[in-house]
Amino acid sequence: MAKGDDAVRKKKSKVNRKRLQKQDSSASVSARVAAIIASKKRRKSGKRRMCEGMCFSLPTLDDPFNDKLGKKDFERKEPKKRVPRQEDGRGFVHGKGAALRKGTQTPNTDFKDKAKSSKISINDLVDLEEKVQVIQNVGDHGQRGLVCENSNGPSKFLIMCLNSIENALRHDGTFISKEDQPLFVNSWGIEFWKCYSAGKDILETSGASSTVEQIAWMISIAADTIARKEKEGLSFASPFLLFLVPSQEKAAKVRSVCKPLKALGIHTVSIHPGASLDHQIQGLKSCEPEFLVSTPERLLELVMFKAIDISGVSLLVADGLESLSNGGNPDMMKSIRQSISGTPLTVVFNDCFNHASVPLVQNLLSGSIHRISLNDTITSLSSYIIQSVNVCASEDEKLSKGIQILDQAYGDKLLSQPLKVLYILVKDSKFGDMVTALKSKGYFISTGSSCTISNFKNSKMKNEVSMINMEQIKTTDLEEYDLVIIPNFLLPIDSYVHVLTRMARHTINGALYSFLTKANAAIAEPLTDILEQCGQAVPEALRDLCLTSSTREQ
């Protein structure tokens, strides 16, 4: 044996032993952490592996944007934290008060500079950076609290996720935006971010399923929340986001938008009837996805076989409500919701305006909600508000029916929140009779200038009713009222539309009741058009009143 061969062999054996030891240590961690370790090893195997400042390294929780380039900071005594002023214009990472190093451009500044060439105004961006109220944890596991954060604006990681998705979609040629507008200044996305930060369920009423831009914003915000919580030391045993879709094609679309986030450590799994059940069960055993895209029927099968645990889902998105409301899907959706513990933040895309989906939406959205819409049509703004028109024979019948509806509403024991009722009256000889009749039934009446929403919050009266005149409609804040009754329909049709599109903004249980007689035949035809446009039932008595009105005109 030549001189030196023994030393070379010993050195190779030592290297092999170290490699095996590292492999054994990496086997004790999860598949996701092992993948990150392996990727980092591959990046360090280049020509400059000895130079830590020149090699590419993965982001870490302590340095999520590789600003330190893998170098460790010397431990120093931290000075007393100072709250920066708003005019300093400093950026924040993940909602924390860590300012970017001197000489670098802050993400919020770049955010505003790029917005100058788009249709979004700077005022919208300033509003976006305002501090959002912290919502307390709700439910046994506090999933809703995981998605509600105190933030001064969209984090740099959120914008990075949006840019990654946009670049990937542009490369594939699937991204189509009006006037080449960037994703991070999308008006719907900004509004969604505000509602998400407030911690309330969201009802999208544009009348269509989710678009690529909407999906990109939802998953980017979810990814930002995961990164922020992992930095705080929290972990997720279940998928953070559950995206329910009606078909395999929609699942593939959502999966394609989520795919660019895999490089940032966010893994997405799509399950649907297009693949075999055994194959999906084996696949779920080998990975821990952060996002789960699924059809209801296949998800229930996997839950039944205990292949996936969805009890800890923090964000639930239901897309394609028209398809999900047909057949046996409502029962499946109810079972899925019962499989989730606590109260996850729920987003529902309403792509239909019929009332067949009302029970399903009421099961998904039980508390206070936010409404978002891409358009301001009557159909969109009045979504899930019941319109009931009653044609009466006399004035006394209108009075009695109005009180009967009020008694039924307050007698509903399933009400989760105090009912807010508004009467819209015309000051005539019957005004006093209405007030007297309601007081005799034990209702507390607030009229005129005392009719404000603060009365409902401060009053201890259970059966409180507000009353306003027809002239006060434009100046009254209607969004908090769940039930509006018009006992004598002498309103212009524009005032009726104003009430319909501004009431019950934070609930899906809104109802608008109107009472007519033959003397109101002139308003019957335009009122019928509104009911048909909104997909509401038109009573036969109202159609007969339309015929009577047209006969008189002839």
Protein backbone atom coordinates (compact mmCIF):
# COMPACT_ATOMS: atom_id res chain seq x y z
CA MET A 1 0.00 0.00 0.00
CA ALA A 2 1.42 3.36 -0.97
CA LYS A 3 2.30 5.89 1.69
CA GLY A 4 -0.68 8.03 2.74
CA ASP A 5 -3.46 5.73 1.49
CA ASP A 6 -4.32 4.66 5.04
CA ALA A 7 -4.75 8.26 6.16
CA VAL A 8 -6.96 9.02 3.15
CA ARG A 9 -9.16 5.98 3.89
CA LYS A 10 -9.54 6.99 7.55
CA LYS A 11 -10.56 10.48 6.50
CA LYS A 12 -13.23 9.17 4.09
CA SER A 13 -14.57 6.82 6.75
CA LYS A 14 -14.85 9.70 9.19
CA VAL A 15 -16.80 11.76 6.64
CA ASN A 16 -19.16 8.85 5.98
CA ARG A 17 -19.79 8.36 9.70
CA LYS A 18 -20.66 12.03 10.14
CA ARG A 19 -23.01 11.90 7.17
CA LEU A 20 -24.83 8.87 8.62
CA GLN A 21 -25.11 10.54 12.01
CA LYS A 22 -26.68 13.61 10.43
CA GLN A 23 -29.13 11.47 8.52
CA ASP A 24 -30.14 9.71 11.74
CA SER A 25 -30.67 13.03 13.52
CA SER A 26 -32.77 14.43 10.66
CA ALA A 27 -35.05 11.36 10.74
CA SER A 28 -36.34 12.40 14.19
CA VAL A 29 -37.83 15.64 12.86
CA SER A 30 -40.93 16.11 10.75
CA ALA A 31 -40.93 15.66 6.97
CA ARG A 32 -41.19 19.41 6.41
CA VAL A 33 -38.15 20.24 8.60
CA ALA A 34 -36.17 17.41 7.01
CA ALA A 35 -36.95 18.81 3.56
CA ILE A 36 -35.71 22.25 4.63
CA ILE A 37 -32.49 20.76 6.05
CA ALA A 38 -31.89 18.78 2.85
CA SER A 39 -32.50 21.83 0.69
CA LYS A 40 -30.06 23.86 2.73
CA LYS A 41 -27.43 21.16 2.37
CA ARG A 42 -27.83 21.15 -1.39
CA ARG A 43 -27.41 24.91 -1.55
CA LYS A 44 -24.26 24.76 0.55
CA SER A 45 -22.66 22.13 -1.70
CA GLY A 46 -21.54 24.70 -4.30
CA LYS A 47 -18.07 26.11 -4.94
CA ARG A 48 -18.46 28.77 -2.24
CA ARG A 49 -19.70 26.53 0.58
CA MET A 50 -16.96 27.81 2.91
CA CYS A 51 -18.07 31.42 2.49
CA GLU A 52 -21.21 31.91 4.56
CA GLY A 53 -21.72 35.42 3.21
CA MET A 54 -21.79 34.33 -0.42
CA CYS A 55 -23.91 31.17 -0.30
CA PHE A 56 -27.67 31.04 -0.52
CA SER A 57 -29.42 30.01 2.69
CA LEU A 58 -33.07 29.49 3.57
CA PRO A 59 -34.99 32.01 5.70
CA THR A 60 -35.27 31.25 9.40
CA LEU A 61 -37.72 32.39 12.04
CA ASP A 62 -35.10 34.75 13.49
CA ASP A 63 -34.15 36.09 10.05
CA PRO A 64 -37.14 35.49 7.70
CA PHE A 65 -35.75 37.65 4.86
CA ASN A 66 -32.03 36.71 4.95
CA ASP A 67 -30.99 40.24 5.87
CA LYS A 68 -28.18 38.81 8.05
CA LEU A 69 -27.00 36.41 5.28
CA GLY A 70 -26.64 33.58 7.78
CA LYS A 71 -24.34 35.55 10.14
CA LYS A 72 -25.10 35.49 13.83
CA ASP A 73 -25.39 38.71 15.77
CA PHE A 74 -23.37 39.31 18.88
CA GLU A 75 -25.47 39.16 22.01
CA ARG A 76 -25.91 42.65 23.33
CA LYS A 77 -28.04 44.13 26.02
CA GLU A 78 -31.19 45.38 24.31
CA PRO A 79 -31.92 49.05 24.91
CA LYS A 80 -35.25 50.22 26.13
CA LYS A 81 -37.84 49.83 23.37
CA ARG A 82 -39.15 53.07 21.93
CA VAL A 83 -42.48 53.27 20.12
CA PRO A 84 -41.77 54.82 16.68
CA ARG A 85 -43.85 57.71 15.51
CA GLN A 86 -46.12 57.28 12.51
CA GLU A 87 -44.24 59.95 10.57
CA ASP A 88 -40.99 57.98 10.87
CA GLY A 89 -42.24 55.75 8.04
CA ARG A 90 -40.50 52.63 9.36
CA GLY A 91 -41.48 49.18 8.13
CA PHE A 92 -42.58 46.34 10.35
CA VAL A 93 -41.97 42.65 9.94
CA HIS A 94 -44.81 40.34 10.93
CA GLY A 95 -46.48 43.05 12.99
CA LYS A 96 -43.48 43.47 15.29
CA GLY A 97 -41.76 46.75 16.01
CA ALA A 98 -38.41 45.78 14.51
CA ALA A 99 -37.36 48.56 12.16
CA LEU A 100 -35.43 47.74 9.02
CA ARG A 101 -31.74 48.46 9.02
CA LYS A 102 -30.65 51.95 8.05
CA GLY A 103 -30.26 52.64 4.36
CA THR A 104 -32.80 50.07 3.16
CA GLN A 105 -36.12 50.94 1.63
CA THR A 106 -39.06 50.11 3.84
CA PRO A 107 -41.72 47.78 2.40
CA ASN A 108 -44.51 50.25 3.07
CA THR A 109 -42.66 52.95 1.13
CA ASP A 110 -42.23 50.61 -1.83
CA PHE A 111 -45.87 49.65 -1.43
CA LYS A 112 -46.96 53.27 -1.88
CA ASP A 113 -44.53 54.07 -4.69
CA LYS A 114 -45.80 51.21 -6.84
CA ALA A 115 -49.39 52.16 -6.10
CA LYS A 116 -49.01 55.59 -7.69
CA SER A 117 -49.27 54.06 -11.15
CA SER A 118 -52.41 52.07 -10.29
CA LYS A 119 -56.03 52.95 -9.61
CA ILE A 120 -55.68 52.57 -5.81
CA SER A 121 -55.41 55.90 -4.04
CA ILE A 122 -52.84 56.70 -1.39
CA ASN A 123 -55.69 57.30 1.07
CA ASP A 124 -56.67 53.64 0.78
CA LEU A 125 -53.11 52.62 1.57
CA VAL A 126 -52.98 54.96 4.57
CA ASP A 127 -56.23 53.44 5.84
CA LEU A 128 -54.70 50.01 5.29
CA GLU A 129 -51.84 50.87 7.63
CA GLU A 130 -54.08 51.98 10.48
CA LYS A 131 -53.98 49.84 13.57
CA VAL A 132 -56.72 47.21 13.72
CA GLN A 133 -58.44 46.42 16.98
CA VAL A 134 -57.30 43.18 18.59
CA ILE A 135 -60.09 40.61 18.78
CA GLN A 136 -60.08 38.25 21.74
CA ASN A 137 -59.93 34.49 21.25
CA VAL A 138 -63.30 32.86 20.69
CA GLY A 139 -64.15 29.19 21.12
CA ASP A 140 -62.59 26.30 22.97
CA HIS A 141 -59.41 26.17 20.89
CA GLY A 142 -59.26 29.85 19.98
CA GLN A 143 -58.86 29.31 16.24
CA ARG A 144 -60.50 32.67 15.47
CA GLY A 145 -57.93 34.38 17.68
CA LEU A 146 -55.13 32.87 15.58
CA VAL A 147 -56.16 34.85 12.53
CA CYS A 148 -56.96 38.17 14.25
CA GLU A 149 -53.82 40.19 14.81
CA ASN A 150 -52.90 43.70 15.75
CA SER A 151 -51.03 45.00 12.73
CA ASN A 152 -49.89 48.35 11.41
CA GLY A 153 -50.18 47.24 7.81
CA PRO A 154 -49.48 44.32 5.49
CA SER A 155 -46.17 42.74 6.42
CA LYS A 156 -43.23 42.35 4.10
CA PHE A 157 -43.76 38.59 4.06
CA LEU A 158 -47.37 39.07 2.90
CA ILE A 159 -46.26 41.26 0.01
CA MET A 160 -43.53 38.76 -0.82
CA CYS A 161 -46.12 35.98 -1.04
CA LEU A 162 -48.28 38.05 -3.37
CA ASN A 163 -45.31 38.89 -5.57
CA SER A 164 -44.27 35.22 -5.73
CA ILE A 165 -47.75 34.19 -6.84
CA GLU A 166 -47.97 37.01 -9.38
CA ASN A 167 -44.56 36.22 -10.91
CA ALA A 168 -45.40 32.53 -11.21
CA LEU A 169 -48.78 33.20 -12.81
CA ARG A 170 -47.32 35.72 -15.23
CA HIS A 171 -44.68 33.19 -16.22
CA ASP A 172 -47.39 30.63 -16.94
CA GLY A 173 -49.50 33.21 -18.78
CA THR A 174 -52.54 32.66 -16.53
CA PHE A 175 -52.51 36.01 -14.71
CA ILE A 176 -54.90 38.51 -16.27
CA SER A 177 -55.28 41.88 -14.53
CA LYS A 178 -56.91 45.11 -15.61
CA GLU A 179 -54.35 47.74 -16.64
CA ASP A 180 -51.54 45.43 -15.50
CA GLN A 181 -52.30 46.20 -11.85
CA PRO A 182 -50.10 44.45 -9.27
CA LEU A 183 -51.71 42.00 -6.91
CA PHE A 184 -50.78 43.83 -3.73
CA VAL A 185 -52.83 46.93 -4.66
CA ASN A 186 -55.97 45.00 -5.56
CA SER A 187 -58.94 46.86 -4.03
CA TRP A 188 -60.79 43.67 -3.06
CA GLY A 189 -57.69 42.28 -1.39
CA ILE A 190 -57.16 45.43 0.67
CA GLU A 191 -60.78 45.35 1.85
CA PHE A 192 -60.48 41.64 2.65
CA TRP A 193 -57.34 42.26 4.69
CA LYS A 194 -59.17 44.85 6.79
CA CYS A 195 -62.12 42.51 7.44
CA TYR A 196 -59.80 39.58 8.18
CA SER A 197 -57.85 41.64 10.70
CA ALA A 198 -61.12 42.59 12.45
CA GLY A 199 -61.77 38.89 13.12
CA LYS A 200 -65.32 38.62 11.76
CA ASP A 201 -66.73 36.12 9.28
CA ILE A 202 -66.84 37.38 5.68
CA LEU A 203 -69.64 37.06 3.13
CA GLU A 204 -68.65 37.80 -0.47
CA THR A 205 -71.79 38.86 -2.37
CA SER A 206 -70.50 39.69 -5.86
CA GLY A 207 -72.45 36.75 -7.30
CA ALA A 208 -69.46 34.80 -8.63
CA SER A 209 -66.98 32.23 -7.41
CA SER A 210 -63.50 33.27 -6.28
CA THR A 211 -61.09 34.72 -8.83
CA VAL A 212 -57.33 34.22 -9.06
CA GLU A 213 -56.69 37.59 -7.38
CA GLN A 214 -59.04 36.78 -4.52
CA ILE A 215 -57.49 33.34 -3.98
CA ALA A 216 -54.01 34.87 -4.01
CA TRP A 217 -54.89 37.39 -1.31
CA MET A 218 -56.59 34.82 0.93
CA ILE A 219 -53.76 32.29 0.86
CA SER A 220 -51.08 34.98 1.21
CA ILE A 221 -52.76 36.37 4.32
CA ALA A 222 -53.08 32.84 5.70
CA ALA A 223 -49.39 32.15 4.99
CA ASP A 224 -48.44 35.39 6.73
CA THR A 225 -50.46 34.36 9.79
CA ILE A 226 -48.75 30.96 9.89
CA ALA A 227 -45.29 32.56 9.70
CA ARG A 228 -46.18 35.02 12.44
CA LYS A 229 -47.52 32.31 14.76
CA GLU A 230 -44.59 29.96 14.16
CA LYS A 231 -42.25 32.80 15.07
CA GLU A 232 -44.11 33.05 18.37
CA GLY A 233 -43.53 29.34 18.99
CA LEU A 234 -46.97 27.99 18.04
CA SER A 235 -47.49 24.92 15.87
CA PHE A 236 -50.48 23.55 13.98
CA ALA A 237 -51.48 19.90 14.19
CA SER A 238 -54.25 20.38 11.61
CA PRO A 239 -54.27 22.28 8.32
CA PHE A 240 -54.55 26.00 8.96
CA LEU A 241 -56.69 26.69 5.87
CA LEU A 242 -59.50 24.47 4.59
CA PHE A 243 -60.67 25.54 1.12
CA LEU A 244 -63.91 23.78 0.11
CA VAL A 245 -64.62 23.72 -3.64
CA PRO A 246 -67.47 22.21 -5.68
CA SER A 247 -65.44 20.39 -8.35
CA GLN A 248 -62.10 18.92 -9.31
CA GLU A 249 -61.50 21.74 -11.82
CA LYS A 250 -61.89 24.39 -9.13
CA ALA A 251 -59.58 22.45 -6.83
CA ALA A 252 -56.91 22.40 -9.54
CA LYS A 253 -57.28 26.16 -10.02
CA VAL A 254 -56.83 26.87 -6.31
CA ARG A 255 -53.90 24.44 -6.14
CA SER A 256 -52.13 26.20 -9.02
CA VAL A 257 -52.35 29.54 -7.19
CA CYS A 258 -51.02 27.99 -3.95
CA LYS A 259 -48.12 26.21 -5.67
CA PRO A 260 -45.64 29.17 -5.67
CA LEU A 261 -45.83 29.32 -1.85
CA LYS A 262 -44.18 25.88 -1.57
CA ALA A 263 -40.78 27.56 -1.88
CA LEU A 264 -41.67 29.60 1.20
CA GLY A 265 -42.49 26.53 3.29
CA ILE A 266 -46.27 26.44 2.71
CA HIS A 267 -47.40 23.01 1.50
CA THR A 268 -50.81 22.57 -0.18
CA VAL A 269 -52.67 19.32 -0.77
CA SER A 270 -55.62 19.00 -3.16
CA ILE A 271 -58.03 16.09 -2.66
CA HIS A 272 -60.94 15.31 -4.95
CA PRO A 273 -62.73 12.30 -6.49
CA GLY A 274 -60.40 12.40 -9.50
CA ALA A 275 -57.76 10.37 -7.64
CA SER A 276 -58.03 7.04 -5.84
CA LEU A 277 -58.87 7.10 -2.17
CA ASP A 278 -55.98 4.81 -1.18
CA HIS A 279 -53.48 6.99 -3.00
CA GLN A 280 -54.71 10.11 -1.15
CA ILE A 281 -54.67 8.33 2.22
CA GLN A 282 -51.04 7.28 1.72
CA GLY A 283 -50.13 10.77 0.55
CA LEU A 284 -51.63 12.44 3.63
CA LYS A 285 -49.66 10.10 5.90
CA SER A 286 -46.35 11.35 4.46
CA CYS A 287 -46.99 15.11 4.70
CA GLU A 288 -48.39 17.76 7.01
CA PRO A 289 -50.06 20.33 4.73
CA GLU A 290 -50.74 23.89 5.85
CA PHE A 291 -53.46 24.35 3.20
CA LEU A 292 -56.06 21.73 2.29
CA VAL A 293 -58.17 22.13 -0.88
CA SER A 294 -60.98 19.61 -1.11
CA THR A 295 -64.45 18.75 -2.31
CA PRO A 296 -66.95 18.03 0.50
CA GLU A 297 -67.66 14.38 -0.33
CA ARG A 298 -64.00 13.29 -0.58
CA LEU A 299 -63.07 15.23 2.56
CA LEU A 300 -65.75 13.44 4.59
CA GLU A 301 -64.48 10.07 3.35
CA LEU A 302 -60.94 10.90 4.47
CA VAL A 303 -62.17 12.17 7.83
CA MET A 304 -64.17 8.96 8.27
CA PHE A 305 -61.02 6.87 7.68
CA LYS A 306 -59.10 9.21 10.04
CA ALA A 307 -56.62 10.04 7.29
CA ILE A 308 -56.84 13.77 8.02
CA ASP A 309 -57.67 15.77 11.13
CA ILE A 310 -59.55 19.02 10.51
CA SER A 311 -60.56 19.74 14.10
CA GLY A 312 -58.00 22.55 14.41
CA VAL A 313 -58.78 24.42 11.18
CA SER A 314 -58.46 28.17 11.76
CA LEU A 315 -59.66 29.53 8.40
CA LEU A 316 -62.56 27.98 6.45
CA VAL A 317 -63.37 29.08 2.88
CA ALA A 318 -66.52 27.85 1.11
CA ASP A 319 -66.51 28.60 -2.62
CA GLY A 320 -69.18 27.88 -5.24
CA LEU A 321 -72.22 28.12 -2.98
CA GLU A 322 -74.71 27.30 -5.74
CA SER A 323 -73.21 23.85 -6.30
CA LEU A 324 -72.61 23.26 -2.60
CA SER A 325 -76.32 23.93 -1.90
CA ASN A 326 -77.60 21.22 -4.28
CA GLY A 327 -78.19 17.53 -3.61
CA GLY A 328 -76.72 16.21 -0.40
CA ASN A 329 -73.97 18.80 -0.17
CA PRO A 330 -75.69 20.88 2.57
CA ASP A 331 -75.66 17.87 4.90
CA MET A 332 -72.00 17.24 4.03
CA MET A 333 -71.13 20.88 4.74
CA LYS A 334 -72.91 20.66 8.07
CA SER A 335 -70.95 17.53 8.99
CA ILE A 336 -67.67 19.20 8.00
CA ARG A 337 -68.49 22.23 10.13
CA GLN A 338 -69.27 19.99 13.10
CA SER A 339 -65.92 18.23 12.67
CA ILE A 340 -64.13 21.56 13.26
CA SER A 341 -63.74 22.46 16.92
CA GLY A 342 -64.12 26.02 18.13
CA THR A 343 -65.08 28.87 15.82
CA PRO A 344 -62.82 29.25 12.77
CA LEU A 345 -62.99 32.44 10.76
CA THR A 346 -65.24 31.60 7.80
CA VAL A 347 -65.31 33.10 4.30
CA VAL A 348 -68.27 32.31 2.02
CA PHE A 349 -68.43 33.15 -1.70
CA ASN A 350 -72.05 33.55 -2.75
CA ASP A 351 -72.35 32.86 -6.48
CA CYS A 352 -76.15 32.57 -6.46
CA PHE A 353 -79.02 34.78 -5.31
CA ASN A 354 -81.73 32.20 -4.69
CA HIS A 355 -82.87 31.36 -1.18
CA ALA A 356 -82.03 27.65 -1.40
CA SER A 357 -78.60 28.42 0.05
CA VAL A 358 -79.86 30.44 3.04
CA PRO A 359 -79.87 27.49 5.54
CA LEU A 360 -76.35 26.51 4.50
CA VAL A 361 -74.99 30.03 4.92
CA GLN A 362 -76.75 30.43 8.27
CA ASN A 363 -75.04 27.25 9.45
CA LEU A 364 -71.61 28.49 8.34
CA LEU A 365 -71.98 32.11 9.46
CA SER A 366 -73.57 32.23 12.89
CA GLY A 367 -72.27 35.49 14.33
CA SER A 368 -71.54 39.02 13.18
CA ILE A 369 -70.21 39.26 9.62
CA HIS A 370 -68.60 41.63 7.15
CA ARG A 371 -69.96 41.96 3.61
CA ILE A 372 -67.61 42.41 0.65
CA SER A 373 -68.67 42.94 -2.95
CA LEU A 374 -66.99 43.85 -6.22
CA ASN A 375 -70.10 45.69 -7.40
CA ASP A 376 -72.85 47.84 -5.92
CA THR A 377 -75.93 46.40 -7.61
CA ILE A 378 -79.21 45.98 -5.72
CA THR A 379 -78.97 42.20 -6.05
CA SER A 380 -75.50 42.09 -4.54
CA LEU A 381 -76.08 44.57 -1.70
CA SER A 382 -79.39 42.96 -0.66
CA SER A 383 -78.07 39.41 -0.63
CA TYR A 384 -79.63 37.24 2.13
CA ILE A 385 -82.14 39.91 3.15
CA ILE A 386 -85.69 38.56 3.05
CA GLN A 387 -88.22 40.89 1.42
CA SER A 388 -91.83 40.25 2.35
CA VAL A 389 -94.65 42.31 0.82
CA ASN A 390 -98.16 41.94 2.29
CA VAL A 391 -101.26 43.33 0.59
CA CYS A 392 -103.91 44.09 3.24
CA ALA A 393 -107.59 44.95 2.98
CA SER A 394 -107.60 47.74 5.57
CA GLU A 395 -105.40 49.95 7.70
CA ASP A 396 -106.27 48.01 10.85
CA GLU A 397 -105.11 44.79 9.22
CA LYS A 398 -101.73 46.36 8.41
CA LEU A 399 -101.37 47.47 12.02
CA SER A 400 -102.19 44.04 13.45
CA LYS A 401 -99.98 42.12 10.99
CA GLY A 402 -97.01 44.38 11.71
CA ILE A 403 -97.31 43.76 15.45
CA GLN A 404 -97.75 40.01 14.81
CA ILE A 405 -94.48 39.88 12.85
CA LEU A 406 -92.73 41.78 15.62
CA ASP A 407 -94.02 39.33 18.24
CA GLN A 408 -92.79 36.37 16.19
CA ALA A 409 -89.34 37.92 15.75
CA TYR A 410 -88.87 38.59 19.46
CA GLY A 411 -90.35 35.21 20.32
CA ASP A 412 -87.64 33.38 18.38
CA LYS A 413 -85.55 31.62 21.03
CA LEU A 414 -82.80 30.81 18.54
CA LEU A 415 -81.61 34.41 18.29
CA SER A 416 -77.88 34.53 19.06
CA GLN A 417 -77.77 38.34 19.35
CA PRO A 418 -80.19 41.06 20.49
CA LEU A 419 -82.66 41.97 17.77
CA LYS A 420 -82.57 45.52 16.41
CA VAL A 421 -85.93 46.61 14.97
CA LEU A 422 -86.82 49.76 13.03
CA TYR A 423 -90.27 51.06 12.09
CA ILE A 424 -90.50 53.55 9.21
CA LEU A 425 -93.70 55.55 9.59
CA VAL A 426 -95.54 58.42 8.00
CA LYS A 427 -96.77 61.04 10.44
CA ASP A 428 -100.51 60.88 10.05
CA SER A 429 -103.48 60.07 12.19
CA LYS A 430 -102.34 56.43 12.53
CA PHE A 431 -98.91 57.30 13.98
CA GLY A 432 -100.20 57.64 17.52
CA ASP A 433 -102.22 54.45 17.21
CA MET A 434 -99.07 52.51 16.25
CA VAL A 435 -97.10 53.84 19.22
CA THR A 436 -99.96 53.12 21.63
CA ALA A 437 -100.43 49.58 20.31
CA LEU A 438 -96.74 48.73 20.63
CA LYS A 439 -96.49 50.14 24.14
CA SER A 440 -99.51 48.12 25.20
CA LYS A 441 -97.62 45.01 24.07
CA GLY A 442 -94.71 45.89 26.36
CA TYR A 443 -92.34 47.33 23.75
CA PHE A 444 -90.06 50.24 24.57
CA ILE A 445 -90.30 52.93 21.86
CA SER A 446 -87.51 55.33 20.85
CA THR A 447 -88.41 57.94 18.27
CA GLY A 448 -86.91 60.95 16.54
CA SER A 449 -83.43 62.04 17.55
CA SER A 450 -83.26 59.41 20.33
CA CYS A 451 -83.33 56.61 17.75
CA THR A 452 -79.67 55.66 17.59
CA ILE A 453 -77.71 52.45 17.66
CA SER A 454 -76.08 53.44 20.95
CA ASN A 455 -79.49 53.08 22.58
CA PHE A 456 -79.45 49.36 21.74
CA LYS A 457 -76.00 48.91 23.22
CA ASN A 458 -76.71 50.85 26.41
CA SER A 459 -80.37 49.96 26.99
CA LYS A 460 -81.34 47.01 29.17
CA MET A 461 -84.75 46.73 27.49
CA LYS A 462 -85.13 43.43 25.69
CA ASN A 463 -88.03 44.51 23.45
CA GLU A 464 -86.88 47.84 22.08
CA VAL A 465 -88.24 49.30 18.85
CA SER A 466 -86.96 52.37 17.03
CA MET A 467 -89.24 54.59 14.97
CA ILE A 468 -88.33 57.17 12.36
CA ASN A 469 -90.22 59.30 9.85
CA MET A 470 -89.93 58.87 6.12
CA GLU A 471 -87.93 62.11 5.97
CA GLN A 472 -85.28 60.69 8.35
CA ILE A 473 -84.32 57.69 6.19
CA LYS A 474 -81.33 59.37 4.52
CA THR A 475 -79.85 60.53 7.84
CA THR A 476 -80.34 57.29 9.81
CA ASP A 477 -77.60 54.68 10.16
CA LEU A 478 -79.40 51.56 8.94
CA GLU A 479 -76.58 49.01 8.84
CA GLU A 480 -77.15 47.69 12.39
CA TYR A 481 -80.90 47.04 12.02
CA ASP A 482 -81.83 43.38 11.49
CA LEU A 483 -85.59 43.86 11.05
CA VAL A 484 -87.19 46.82 9.26
CA ILE A 485 -90.99 47.18 9.04
CA ILE A 486 -92.81 49.62 6.75
CA PRO A 487 -96.43 49.45 8.01
CA ASN A 488 -97.75 51.97 5.50
CA PHE A 489 -95.96 51.87 2.14
CA LEU A 490 -96.00 55.51 1.05
CA LEU A 491 -92.27 55.61 0.33
CA PRO A 492 -90.76 56.47 -3.03
CA ILE A 493 -89.20 53.41 -4.62
CA ASP A 494 -85.74 55.04 -4.30
CA SER A 495 -86.18 55.24 -0.53
CA TYR A 496 -87.15 51.56 -0.44
CA VAL A 497 -83.96 50.65 -2.35
CA HIS A 498 -81.94 52.86 0.01
CA VAL A 499 -83.26 50.95 3.02
CA LEU A 500 -82.83 47.55 1.34
CA THR A 501 -79.20 48.08 0.36
CA ARG A 502 -78.04 49.60 3.66
CA MET A 503 -79.78 47.56 6.37
CA ALA A 504 -78.44 44.42 8.10
CA ARG A 505 -74.83 44.83 6.99
CA HIS A 506 -73.49 42.59 9.77
CA THR A 507 -75.94 39.69 9.72
CA ILE A 508 -77.43 37.18 7.29
CA ASN A 509 -80.79 37.20 9.07
CA GLY A 510 -82.03 40.57 7.80
CA ALA A 511 -85.73 40.97 6.92
CA LEU A 512 -87.69 43.84 5.35
CA TYR A 513 -91.49 43.76 5.71
CA SER A 514 -93.79 46.07 3.75
CA PHE A 515 -97.59 46.46 3.94
CA LEU A 516 -99.77 47.79 1.13
CA THR A 517 -103.42 48.33 0.35
CA LYS A 518 -105.21 48.90 -2.94
CA ALA A 519 -104.52 52.60 -2.48
CA ASN A 520 -100.81 51.86 -3.06
CA ALA A 521 -101.36 50.27 -6.50
CA ALA A 522 -99.02 52.77 -8.18
CA ILE A 523 -96.00 51.36 -6.35
CA ALA A 524 -96.86 47.71 -7.02
CA GLU A 525 -95.17 47.35 -10.41
CA PRO A 526 -91.71 48.77 -9.54
CA LEU A 527 -91.79 46.85 -6.26
CA THR A 528 -92.50 43.63 -8.17
CA ASP A 529 -89.52 44.30 -10.44
CA ILE A 530 -87.20 44.63 -7.44
CA LEU A 531 -88.47 41.40 -5.90
CA GLU A 532 -87.94 39.49 -9.15
CA GLN A 533 -84.51 41.02 -9.66
CA CYS A 534 -83.42 39.88 -6.19
CA GLY A 535 -84.89 36.39 -6.61
CA GLN A 536 -87.59 36.95 -3.99
CA ALA A 537 -91.06 35.43 -4.00
CA VAL A 538 -93.74 37.71 -5.45
CA PRO A 539 -97.16 37.19 -3.81
CA GLU A 540 -100.15 36.76 -6.08
CA ALA A 541 -101.96 39.63 -4.37
CA LEU A 542 -99.14 41.96 -5.44
CA ARG A 543 -99.34 40.74 -9.05
CA ASP A 544 -103.11 41.35 -9.02
CA LEU A 545 -102.42 44.85 -7.71
CA CYS A 546 -100.07 45.40 -10.67
CA LEU A 547 -102.86 44.42 -13.08
CA THR A 548 -105.23 46.79 -11.31
CA SER A 549 -102.71 49.63 -11.63
CA SER A 550 -102.15 48.99 -15.36
CA THR A 551 -105.93 48.87 -15.97
CA ARG A 552 -106.39 52.24 -14.30
CA GLU A 553 -103.66 53.77 -16.46
CA GLN A 554 -105.38 52.56 -19.62
